[in-house]
Amino acid sequence: MQIPFDNSYATLPDAFYTRVDPTSVKSPKLLAFNENISKVMGIFPADATELARVFSGNKIPQGAAPLAQLYAGHQFGNFTPQLGDGRAILLGEVIDTNGLRRDIQLKGSGRTPYSRGGDGRAWLGPVLREYVVSEAMHALGIPTTRALAAVATGEGVLREQGMLPGAVLTRVASSHLRVGTFQVFAHRGQTEHLKTLTDYAIARHYPNAEGPMGLLRAVCAKQAELVAAWMSVGFIHGVMNTDNCSIAGETIDYGPCAFMDEFHMGMVFSSIDRQARYAYGNQPNMVMWNMAQLATALLPLAQDKDAMLEEATAIIHAMPDQIEAAWLARFGAKIGLHDPQPEDTDLIQSLLDLMQTDGADFTNTFRALSGDAARDQFTDRAAFDTWSKEHRARLASEPDPIATMNAANPAVIPRNHRIEQMIEAAASGDMTPFNRLMTALSNPYNETDADLARPPAASEVVQATFCGT
């Protein structure tokens, strides 16, 4: 098997990571392999047995430089000065056929010095959840890490539910630099390392950025677009801690994530988000909070601290307008507006208010707007008729509103109950539901599988989602 490694993070000072090999597993078996992205990355695979060995961690491929990255982070608002990769190991990087540098990381590959008492393993459920949801996000056109492979380990993993089947996910990312990567060096007062990290992040992700504030401005812009994209598909990350916030502006760390069925601004699924800190409607506030922590971490690099603080404050205070503009572009398209204007916000918001009052399905309501079935999503149809009259009047000047809506509103998303059913089947050795989901979600804007578009029955509703650690 050939992987064209070109490792850069491993050349940084030893303080940035600990070199550690994955822990071998008993009986690796390949469950899924993403041939599309492997080709883009220039990876030429061998047979399934060889893939299983490499992507379980049993065989270190030539040119790899395995390491666990160091970072800190605010977890639900509370700062932890050292976190790091407790169950993940960066194998190395490749420069893909598009000239983009990508990390290859094993997740669930055994203990590291940052495991903090954890077993360093992953069980099958979260591995397949992240595989499915991250690939669905990519197909939806939302920046995200990607799934390259999923391998069963042949070993059990002990969790609260008992002994569960183990697995390893191979994740691909533009990088695994996080807000928490900057926080750890700022907290330790290691200004030289902080400067090295900042220079590295700029060179890798934002070569046109000028200095720490240029980096902050670029990351804030990416995060504003990202959170608006999440909102537009009803996605709730569930654990938006600073250690789960990517400098590259990609969705990362799919733990207790979920897509809404019934629309509600306060929707929470994560079992550990007891105060609804990361509720659907609070995500814009939380991404701004995270960016404020990045700004704080960069301040030790200032030559003139008062001037940098003033500039950083202005950058963060500009984020509400950035998010609002990105949100308006996304949701305007969802109701058929090619070039929505600020005054269209009221039209969009009034629809969301109706949906929340009626408990209308988020995905299916928006998808139905391009046809004649949206009215059926509501119990108060008179109220919808009033809104629809105003909507039709607004669309009268649009060139092709139906095409705009169909391009912005997916027909199928990875619904929670389908993911749970898929995991249950896979745990019993049946990968058919996984393959069915992957096929439909690869073209989410096509009407490919009507049954997968169905909201859950009362007995299928998922009340909570879990991290898996």
Protein backbone atom coordinates (compact mmCIF):
# COMPACT_ATOMS: atom_id res chain seq x y z
CA MET A 1 0.00 0.00 0.00
CA GLN A 2 1.34 3.42 -0.97
CA ILE A 3 0.54 6.65 0.87
CA PRO A 4 2.55 9.67 -0.37
CA PHE A 5 3.31 11.19 3.04
CA ASP A 6 4.65 14.72 3.21
CA ASN A 7 4.69 15.50 6.93
CA SER A 8 5.02 19.03 8.26
CA TYR A 9 3.51 18.99 11.75
CA ALA A 10 6.08 16.41 12.83
CA THR A 11 8.83 18.94 12.08
CA LEU A 12 7.52 21.35 14.72
CA PRO A 13 9.13 21.39 18.19
CA ASP A 14 8.62 18.37 20.43
CA ALA A 15 6.42 20.46 22.76
CA PHE A 16 3.63 20.33 20.15
CA TYR A 17 3.07 16.57 20.37
CA THR A 18 4.20 13.20 21.65
CA ARG A 19 5.39 10.56 19.23
CA VAL A 20 3.40 7.41 19.83
CA ASP A 21 2.44 4.39 17.74
CA PRO A 22 -1.10 3.03 17.53
CA THR A 23 -1.89 0.03 19.70
CA SER A 24 -2.40 -3.16 17.72
CA VAL A 25 -5.82 -4.79 17.74
CA LYS A 26 -6.82 -8.42 17.81
CA SER A 27 -8.58 -9.06 14.52
CA PRO A 28 -8.99 -6.04 12.21
CA LYS A 29 -11.70 -6.22 9.56
CA LEU A 30 -12.42 -3.54 6.98
CA LEU A 31 -15.98 -2.23 7.23
CA ALA A 32 -15.84 0.73 4.85
CA PHE A 33 -13.30 2.44 2.64
CA ASN A 34 -13.79 5.75 0.83
CA GLU A 35 -12.32 5.19 -2.61
CA ASN A 36 -13.30 8.65 -3.84
CA ILE A 37 -11.20 10.55 -1.36
CA SER A 38 -8.38 7.99 -1.42
CA LYS A 39 -7.92 8.68 -5.14
CA VAL A 40 -7.86 12.43 -4.54
CA MET A 41 -5.19 11.89 -1.90
CA GLY A 42 -3.08 9.71 -4.18
CA ILE A 43 -3.46 6.66 -1.96
CA PHE A 44 -3.16 3.41 -3.87
CA PRO A 45 -4.68 0.67 -1.71
CA ALA A 46 -4.04 -3.01 -1.65
CA ASP A 47 -6.65 -5.62 -0.73
CA ALA A 48 -9.11 -5.41 2.17
CA THR A 49 -6.76 -7.28 4.50
CA GLU A 50 -3.97 -4.77 3.96
CA LEU A 51 -6.39 -1.84 4.35
CA ALA A 52 -7.61 -3.29 7.62
CA ARG A 53 -4.06 -3.68 8.93
CA VAL A 54 -3.04 -0.13 8.07
CA PHE A 55 -6.21 1.65 9.16
CA SER A 56 -6.53 -0.26 12.40
CA GLY A 57 -3.01 0.75 13.38
CA ASN A 58 -1.61 -2.77 13.16
CA LYS A 59 0.79 -1.76 10.39
CA ILE A 60 2.57 1.59 10.22
CA PRO A 61 2.83 2.53 6.52
CA GLN A 62 6.14 3.70 5.14
CA GLY A 63 6.66 7.44 5.56
CA ALA A 64 4.22 7.83 8.45
CA ALA A 65 5.24 9.81 11.55
CA PRO A 66 2.68 8.78 14.20
CA LEU A 67 2.06 11.33 16.93
CA ALA A 68 -0.58 12.59 19.36
CA GLN A 69 -1.16 16.34 19.27
CA LEU A 70 -1.21 18.56 22.35
CA TYR A 71 -3.95 21.11 22.97
CA ALA A 72 -6.05 22.61 25.76
CA GLY A 73 -9.64 23.79 25.64
CA HIS A 74 -12.75 25.23 27.20
CA GLN A 75 -15.21 22.39 27.74
CA PHE A 76 -18.73 23.76 28.27
CA GLY A 77 -17.14 27.03 29.34
CA ASN A 78 -14.65 25.56 31.79
CA PHE A 79 -10.96 25.72 30.90
CA THR A 80 -8.88 22.52 30.97
CA PRO A 81 -5.19 23.44 30.60
CA GLN A 82 -4.19 20.15 28.95
CA LEU A 83 -6.28 17.88 26.77
CA GLY A 84 -4.63 16.53 23.62
CA ASP A 85 -5.32 13.50 21.47
CA GLY A 86 -6.41 10.95 24.02
CA ARG A 87 -7.63 8.36 21.53
CA ALA A 88 -6.35 9.65 18.21
CA ILE A 89 -3.02 9.44 16.43
CA LEU A 90 -1.95 11.52 13.46
CA LEU A 91 -0.29 9.17 10.96
CA GLY A 92 0.94 12.03 8.80
CA GLU A 93 -0.02 14.29 5.93
CA VAL A 94 -0.33 14.09 2.18
CA ILE A 95 -0.60 16.74 -0.51
CA ASP A 96 -3.55 15.68 -2.62
CA THR A 97 -4.06 15.89 -6.36
CA ASN A 98 -5.58 19.37 -5.92
CA GLY A 99 -2.47 20.60 -4.12
CA LEU A 100 -4.19 20.65 -0.72
CA ARG A 101 -2.42 19.37 2.39
CA ARG A 102 -4.48 16.87 4.38
CA ASP A 103 -4.00 15.08 7.70
CA ILE A 104 -4.60 11.34 8.04
CA GLN A 105 -5.61 10.49 11.59
CA LEU A 106 -6.60 7.25 13.30
CA LYS A 107 -9.37 7.74 15.87
CA GLY A 108 -9.83 5.03 18.48
CA SER A 109 -6.29 3.73 17.99
CA GLY A 110 -5.27 3.28 21.62
CA ARG A 111 -3.97 5.17 24.62
CA THR A 112 -1.65 8.16 24.40
CA PRO A 113 0.01 10.32 27.07
CA TYR A 114 -3.08 12.57 26.84
CA SER A 115 -5.69 9.86 27.51
CA ARG A 116 -6.38 11.08 31.07
CA GLY A 117 -7.51 7.67 32.28
CA GLY A 118 -9.46 6.81 29.12
CA ASP A 119 -8.97 3.57 27.20
CA GLY A 120 -8.04 5.33 23.94
CA ARG A 121 -10.56 3.24 22.05
CA ALA A 122 -13.79 3.83 20.17
CA TRP A 123 -16.76 1.59 19.85
CA LEU A 124 -18.47 0.87 16.56
CA GLY A 125 -21.44 3.22 17.00
CA PRO A 126 -19.61 6.58 17.13
CA VAL A 127 -17.20 5.44 14.40
CA LEU A 128 -20.01 4.73 11.95
CA ARG A 129 -21.94 7.83 13.06
CA GLU A 130 -18.97 10.05 12.25
CA TYR A 131 -18.35 8.22 8.98
CA VAL A 132 -21.93 8.70 7.81
CA VAL A 133 -22.49 12.23 9.09
CA SER A 134 -19.16 13.68 7.96
CA GLU A 135 -19.60 12.28 4.46
CA ALA A 136 -23.18 13.55 4.40
CA MET A 137 -21.95 17.01 5.38
CA HIS A 138 -19.45 16.92 2.53
CA ALA A 139 -22.19 15.98 0.08
CA LEU A 140 -24.31 18.84 1.45
CA GLY A 141 -21.47 21.20 0.53
CA ILE A 142 -20.51 22.08 4.11
CA PRO A 143 -16.81 22.21 5.09
CA THR A 144 -15.97 19.13 7.10
CA THR A 145 -13.44 16.51 7.97
CA ARG A 146 -13.84 13.38 5.85
CA ALA A 147 -13.97 9.66 6.56
CA LEU A 148 -11.40 7.51 4.79
CA ALA A 149 -11.94 4.12 6.45
CA ALA A 150 -13.73 2.28 9.25
CA VAL A 151 -12.23 -0.92 10.65
CA ALA A 152 -13.66 -3.31 13.23
CA THR A 153 -11.04 -4.33 15.80
CA GLY A 154 -12.35 -7.72 16.85
CA GLU A 155 -12.12 -6.50 20.46
CA GLY A 156 -14.68 -5.31 22.95
CA VAL A 157 -14.84 -1.77 24.35
CA LEU A 158 -16.33 -1.24 27.82
CA ARG A 159 -18.86 1.58 28.07
CA GLU A 160 -21.84 2.36 30.30
CA GLN A 161 -24.02 0.11 28.16
CA GLY A 162 -21.64 -2.82 28.71
CA MET A 163 -19.13 -4.45 26.37
CA LEU A 164 -19.48 -3.11 22.82
CA PRO A 165 -17.73 -3.93 19.53
CA GLY A 166 -14.60 -1.82 18.96
CA ALA A 167 -13.66 0.03 15.80
CA VAL A 168 -11.18 2.59 14.42
CA LEU A 169 -12.07 5.54 12.19
CA THR A 170 -9.56 7.02 9.77
CA ARG A 171 -10.26 10.73 9.49
CA VAL A 172 -9.00 13.18 6.89
CA ALA A 173 -8.79 16.90 7.68
CA SER A 174 -7.21 20.07 6.30
CA SER A 175 -5.46 20.01 9.65
CA HIS A 176 -6.27 19.21 13.26
CA LEU A 177 -5.27 22.66 14.52
CA ARG A 178 -7.85 23.86 17.02
CA VAL A 179 -8.52 26.94 19.09
CA GLY A 180 -7.29 24.80 21.98
CA THR A 181 -3.93 24.30 20.24
CA PHE A 182 -3.29 28.03 20.65
CA GLN A 183 -4.73 28.09 24.15
CA VAL A 184 -2.29 25.55 25.56
CA PHE A 185 0.79 27.61 24.70
CA ALA A 186 -0.83 30.90 25.72
CA HIS A 187 -1.79 29.40 29.09
CA ARG A 188 1.73 28.10 29.64
CA GLY A 189 3.29 31.41 28.71
CA GLN A 190 5.27 29.72 25.92
CA THR A 191 5.25 32.69 23.58
CA GLU A 192 7.86 31.30 21.20
CA HIS A 193 5.82 28.15 20.66
CA LEU A 194 2.69 30.29 20.23
CA LYS A 195 4.45 32.34 17.55
CA THR A 196 5.69 29.18 15.81
CA LEU A 197 2.15 27.79 15.82
CA THR A 198 0.69 31.03 14.49
CA ASP A 199 3.22 31.22 11.67
CA TYR A 200 2.56 27.56 10.83
CA ALA A 201 -1.23 28.06 10.79
CA ILE A 202 -0.94 31.10 8.53
CA ALA A 203 1.40 29.35 6.11
CA ARG A 204 -0.76 26.24 5.99
CA HIS A 205 -4.25 27.74 5.87
CA TYR A 206 -4.23 31.48 5.27
CA PRO A 207 -1.04 32.50 3.43
CA ASN A 208 -2.46 35.94 2.67
CA ALA A 209 -3.13 36.72 6.33
CA GLU A 210 -0.86 39.28 7.95
CA GLY A 211 0.19 38.38 11.49
CA PRO A 212 -1.91 37.14 14.41
CA MET A 213 -4.82 39.52 13.77
CA GLY A 214 -4.88 38.57 10.10
CA LEU A 215 -5.19 34.96 11.20
CA LEU A 216 -7.97 35.81 13.65
CA ARG A 217 -9.88 37.73 10.98
CA ALA A 218 -9.60 34.83 8.51
CA VAL A 219 -10.69 32.20 11.03
CA CYS A 220 -13.64 34.30 12.18
CA ALA A 221 -14.84 34.66 8.58
CA LYS A 222 -14.63 30.90 8.05
CA GLN A 223 -16.46 30.14 11.29
CA ALA A 224 -19.22 32.64 10.51
CA GLU A 225 -19.89 30.89 7.21
CA LEU A 226 -19.68 27.46 8.84
CA VAL A 227 -22.21 28.07 11.59
CA ALA A 228 -24.66 29.56 9.08
CA ALA A 229 -24.26 26.44 6.95
CA TRP A 230 -24.98 24.23 9.97
CA MET A 231 -28.12 26.20 10.76
CA SER A 232 -29.34 25.93 7.17
CA VAL A 233 -29.54 22.12 7.34
CA GLY A 234 -30.79 21.89 10.93
CA PHE A 235 -27.48 20.58 12.25
CA ILE A 236 -26.60 20.71 15.94
CA HIS A 237 -22.94 20.04 16.69
CA GLY A 238 -23.64 19.31 20.34
CA VAL A 239 -20.15 19.89 21.75
CA MET A 240 -18.75 23.17 20.42
CA ASN A 241 -15.87 23.30 22.89
CA THR A 242 -12.77 25.25 21.86
CA ASP A 243 -10.88 21.97 21.43
CA ASN A 244 -13.51 20.97 18.87
CA CYS A 245 -13.25 24.21 16.89
CA SER A 246 -11.06 23.89 13.80
CA ILE A 247 -8.82 26.75 12.70
CA ALA A 248 -9.39 25.58 9.12
CA GLY A 249 -13.13 26.25 9.40
CA GLU A 250 -14.16 22.62 9.00
CA THR A 251 -16.78 20.74 11.00
CA ILE A 252 -14.78 18.48 13.30
CA ASP A 253 -15.43 15.96 16.08
CA TYR A 254 -18.86 14.49 15.42
CA GLY A 255 -19.73 13.28 18.90
CA PRO A 256 -23.28 13.89 20.17
CA CYS A 257 -24.24 15.66 16.94
CA ALA A 258 -27.71 15.50 15.43
CA PHE A 259 -29.96 16.84 12.69
CA MET A 260 -33.32 18.21 13.79
CA ASP A 261 -36.58 16.60 12.79
CA GLU A 262 -39.17 18.97 14.27
CA PHE A 263 -37.90 22.53 14.21
CA HIS A 264 -37.17 24.31 17.47
CA MET A 265 -34.59 27.02 18.15
CA GLY A 266 -33.85 25.53 21.57
CA MET A 267 -33.36 21.97 20.35
CA VAL A 268 -30.68 19.98 22.19
CA PHE A 269 -29.75 16.32 21.73
CA SER A 270 -26.37 16.01 23.45
CA SER A 271 -26.70 14.05 26.69
CA ILE A 272 -23.90 16.09 28.27
CA ASP A 273 -25.24 19.54 27.31
CA ARG A 274 -27.45 19.85 30.37
CA GLN A 275 -27.61 23.65 30.29
CA ALA A 276 -28.39 23.83 26.54
CA ARG A 277 -25.18 25.79 25.97
CA TYR A 278 -24.89 24.41 22.44
CA ALA A 279 -28.58 24.37 21.50
CA TYR A 280 -29.39 24.86 17.82
CA GLY A 281 -30.21 28.55 18.13
CA ASN A 282 -27.29 29.33 20.43
CA GLN A 283 -24.61 28.11 18.04
CA PRO A 284 -23.87 31.56 16.56
CA ASN A 285 -23.24 32.93 20.06
CA MET A 286 -20.99 30.01 20.89
CA VAL A 287 -18.87 30.30 17.77
CA MET A 288 -18.30 33.96 18.60
CA TRP A 289 -17.37 32.96 22.15
CA ASN A 290 -14.86 30.47 20.76
CA MET A 291 -13.35 33.12 18.52
CA ALA A 292 -13.02 35.42 21.50
CA GLN A 293 -10.97 32.69 23.20
CA LEU A 294 -8.76 32.45 20.11
CA ALA A 295 -8.28 36.22 20.21
CA THR A 296 -7.32 36.01 23.89
CA ALA A 297 -4.81 33.24 23.15
CA LEU A 298 -3.15 35.36 20.44
CA LEU A 299 -2.74 38.48 22.59
CA PRO A 300 0.63 37.43 24.10
CA LEU A 301 2.11 37.93 20.61
CA ALA A 302 1.31 41.65 20.68
CA GLN A 303 4.02 44.25 20.44
CA ASP A 304 1.43 46.86 21.39
CA LYS A 305 -1.12 45.06 23.57
CA ASP A 306 -3.62 47.92 23.71
CA ALA A 307 -3.64 48.24 19.92
CA MET A 308 -3.97 44.48 19.39
CA LEU A 309 -6.75 44.24 21.98
CA GLU A 310 -8.64 47.01 20.21
CA GLU A 311 -8.23 45.31 16.83
CA ALA A 312 -9.19 41.88 18.18
CA THR A 313 -12.29 43.35 19.83
CA ALA A 314 -13.34 44.95 16.56
CA ILE A 315 -12.88 41.65 14.70
CA ILE A 316 -15.03 39.74 17.19
CA HIS A 317 -17.67 42.48 17.28
CA ALA A 318 -17.95 42.26 13.49
CA MET A 319 -18.97 38.61 13.66
CA PRO A 320 -22.72 39.08 14.30
CA ASP A 321 -23.05 40.95 11.00
CA GLN A 322 -20.94 38.30 9.23
CA ILE A 323 -23.08 35.48 10.60
CA GLU A 324 -26.30 37.32 9.82
CA ALA A 325 -25.21 37.88 6.22
CA ALA A 326 -24.19 34.25 5.79
CA TRP A 327 -27.44 33.10 7.43
CA LEU A 328 -29.51 35.34 5.15
CA ALA A 329 -27.76 34.01 2.04
CA ARG A 330 -28.35 30.41 3.10
CA PHE A 331 -31.95 30.78 4.26
CA GLY A 332 -32.84 33.16 1.46
CA ALA A 333 -31.88 30.43 -1.01
CA LYS A 334 -33.97 27.95 0.99
CA ILE A 335 -37.11 29.99 0.22
CA GLY A 336 -36.08 30.59 -3.40
CA LEU A 337 -34.28 33.94 -3.26
CA HIS A 338 -31.19 34.17 -5.42
CA ASP A 339 -30.10 37.49 -3.93
CA PRO A 340 -31.93 37.96 -0.62
CA GLN A 341 -32.05 41.43 0.93
CA PRO A 342 -32.02 42.36 4.63
CA GLU A 343 -35.76 43.04 4.53
CA ASP A 344 -36.31 39.38 3.57
CA THR A 345 -35.23 38.34 7.06
CA ASP A 346 -38.75 38.91 8.39
CA LEU A 347 -40.25 36.62 5.74
CA ILE A 348 -37.79 33.84 6.62
CA GLN A 349 -38.19 34.31 10.36
CA SER A 350 -41.99 34.26 10.18
CA LEU A 351 -41.81 30.86 8.46
CA LEU A 352 -39.47 29.55 11.15
CA ASP A 353 -41.84 30.86 13.82
CA LEU A 354 -44.73 28.98 12.19
CA MET A 355 -42.62 25.84 11.97
CA GLN A 356 -41.67 26.05 15.63
CA THR A 357 -45.26 26.64 16.75
CA ASP A 358 -46.51 23.68 14.71
CA GLY A 359 -43.53 21.37 15.25
CA ALA A 360 -43.07 21.13 11.49
CA ASP A 361 -40.27 18.97 10.13
CA PHE A 362 -37.33 21.22 9.27
CA THR A 363 -35.95 19.36 6.25
CA ASN A 364 -39.23 18.28 4.69
CA THR A 365 -40.92 21.67 5.09
CA PHE A 366 -38.20 23.51 3.21
CA ARG A 367 -37.95 20.80 0.57
CA ALA A 368 -41.70 20.95 0.00
CA LEU A 369 -41.64 24.70 -0.66
CA SER A 370 -40.63 24.03 -4.27
CA GLY A 371 -43.79 21.96 -4.80
CA ASP A 372 -47.34 21.93 -3.48
CA ALA A 373 -46.94 19.90 -0.28
CA ALA A 374 -45.49 22.42 2.18
CA ARG A 375 -48.97 23.24 3.50
CA ASP A 376 -49.34 19.64 4.64
CA GLN A 377 -46.50 20.09 7.12
CA PHE A 378 -48.64 22.43 9.23
CA THR A 379 -51.69 22.01 11.43
CA ASP A 380 -52.45 25.75 11.31
CA ARG A 381 -52.82 25.82 7.56
CA ALA A 382 -54.54 29.17 7.51
CA ALA A 383 -51.45 30.74 9.05
CA PHE A 384 -49.26 29.03 6.46
CA ASP A 385 -51.56 30.21 3.66
CA THR A 386 -51.10 33.78 4.82
CA TRP A 387 -47.32 33.37 4.80
CA SER A 388 -47.39 31.56 1.45
CA LYS A 389 -49.27 34.44 -0.20
CA GLU A 390 -46.54 36.86 0.85
CA HIS A 391 -43.88 34.33 -0.23
CA ARG A 392 -45.35 33.93 -3.72
CA ALA A 393 -45.48 37.67 -4.14
CA ARG A 394 -41.81 37.95 -3.20
CA LEU A 395 -40.85 35.19 -5.68
CA ALA A 396 -42.58 36.90 -8.59
CA SER A 397 -39.38 38.71 -9.57
CA GLU A 398 -37.05 35.74 -9.07
CA PRO A 399 -35.62 34.13 -12.25
CA ASP A 400 -35.85 30.44 -11.19
CA PRO A 401 -36.91 30.09 -7.55
CA ILE A 402 -37.69 26.37 -7.76
CA ALA A 403 -34.17 25.56 -8.91
CA THR A 404 -32.78 27.81 -6.17
CA MET A 405 -34.84 26.02 -3.52
CA ASN A 406 -34.01 22.53 -4.74
CA ALA A 407 -30.31 23.35 -4.72
CA ALA A 408 -30.50 24.64 -1.14
CA ASN A 409 -32.90 22.16 0.45
CA PRO A 410 -31.79 18.52 0.74
CA ALA A 411 -34.32 15.77 0.22
CA VAL A 412 -32.55 13.49 2.67
CA ILE A 413 -30.37 14.00 5.73
CA PRO A 414 -28.83 11.49 8.18
CA ARG A 415 -31.79 11.39 10.53
CA ASN A 416 -31.09 10.30 14.08
CA HIS A 417 -33.37 7.29 14.10
CA ARG A 418 -31.87 5.97 10.87
CA ILE A 419 -28.37 6.33 12.28
CA GLU A 420 -29.36 4.45 15.42
CA GLN A 421 -30.97 1.69 13.34
CA MET A 422 -27.83 1.52 11.19
CA ILE A 423 -25.59 1.21 14.25
CA GLU A 424 -27.75 -1.52 15.77
CA ALA A 425 -27.64 -3.51 12.54
CA ALA A 426 -23.88 -3.06 12.13
CA ALA A 427 -23.26 -4.22 15.69
CA SER A 428 -25.00 -7.45 14.67
CA GLY A 429 -22.86 -7.76 11.55
CA ASP A 430 -25.32 -6.32 9.03
CA MET A 431 -23.86 -3.39 7.06
CA THR A 432 -26.83 -3.14 4.67
CA PRO A 433 -28.44 -0.11 6.39
CA PHE A 434 -25.03 1.63 6.46
CA ASN A 435 -24.57 1.11 2.74
CA ARG A 436 -28.12 2.23 2.04
CA LEU A 437 -27.57 5.45 4.00
CA MET A 438 -24.26 6.13 2.30
CA THR A 439 -25.80 5.70 -1.16
CA ALA A 440 -28.70 8.07 -0.49
CA LEU A 441 -26.64 10.65 1.36
CA SER A 442 -24.04 10.86 -1.39
CA ASN A 443 -26.67 12.76 -3.44
CA PRO A 444 -28.76 14.46 -0.76
CA TYR A 445 -30.43 16.94 -3.11
CA ASN A 446 -31.90 14.15 -5.25
CA GLU A 447 -35.14 12.36 -4.45
CA THR A 448 -33.39 9.01 -4.17
CA ASP A 449 -34.94 7.18 -1.21
CA ALA A 450 -38.30 8.46 -0.01
CA ASP A 451 -38.33 6.14 3.00
CA LEU A 452 -35.12 7.66 4.35
CA ALA A 453 -36.72 11.11 4.07
CA ARG A 454 -39.51 10.05 6.40
CA PRO A 455 -39.48 11.65 9.86
CA PRO A 456 -39.37 9.22 12.78
CA ALA A 457 -42.50 7.59 14.10
CA ALA A 458 -43.23 8.27 17.77
CA SER A 459 -41.50 5.02 18.74
CA GLU A 460 -38.40 5.93 16.71
CA VAL A 461 -37.70 9.40 18.09
CA VAL A 462 -34.16 9.74 19.45
CA GLN A 463 -34.21 11.82 22.61
CA ALA A 464 -30.46 12.06 23.25
CA THR A 465 -27.15 11.48 21.52
CA PHE A 466 -23.88 10.49 23.17
CA CYS A 467 -20.13 11.08 22.80
CA GLY A 468 -19.11 7.43 22.88
CA THR A 469 -16.15 7.92 25.22
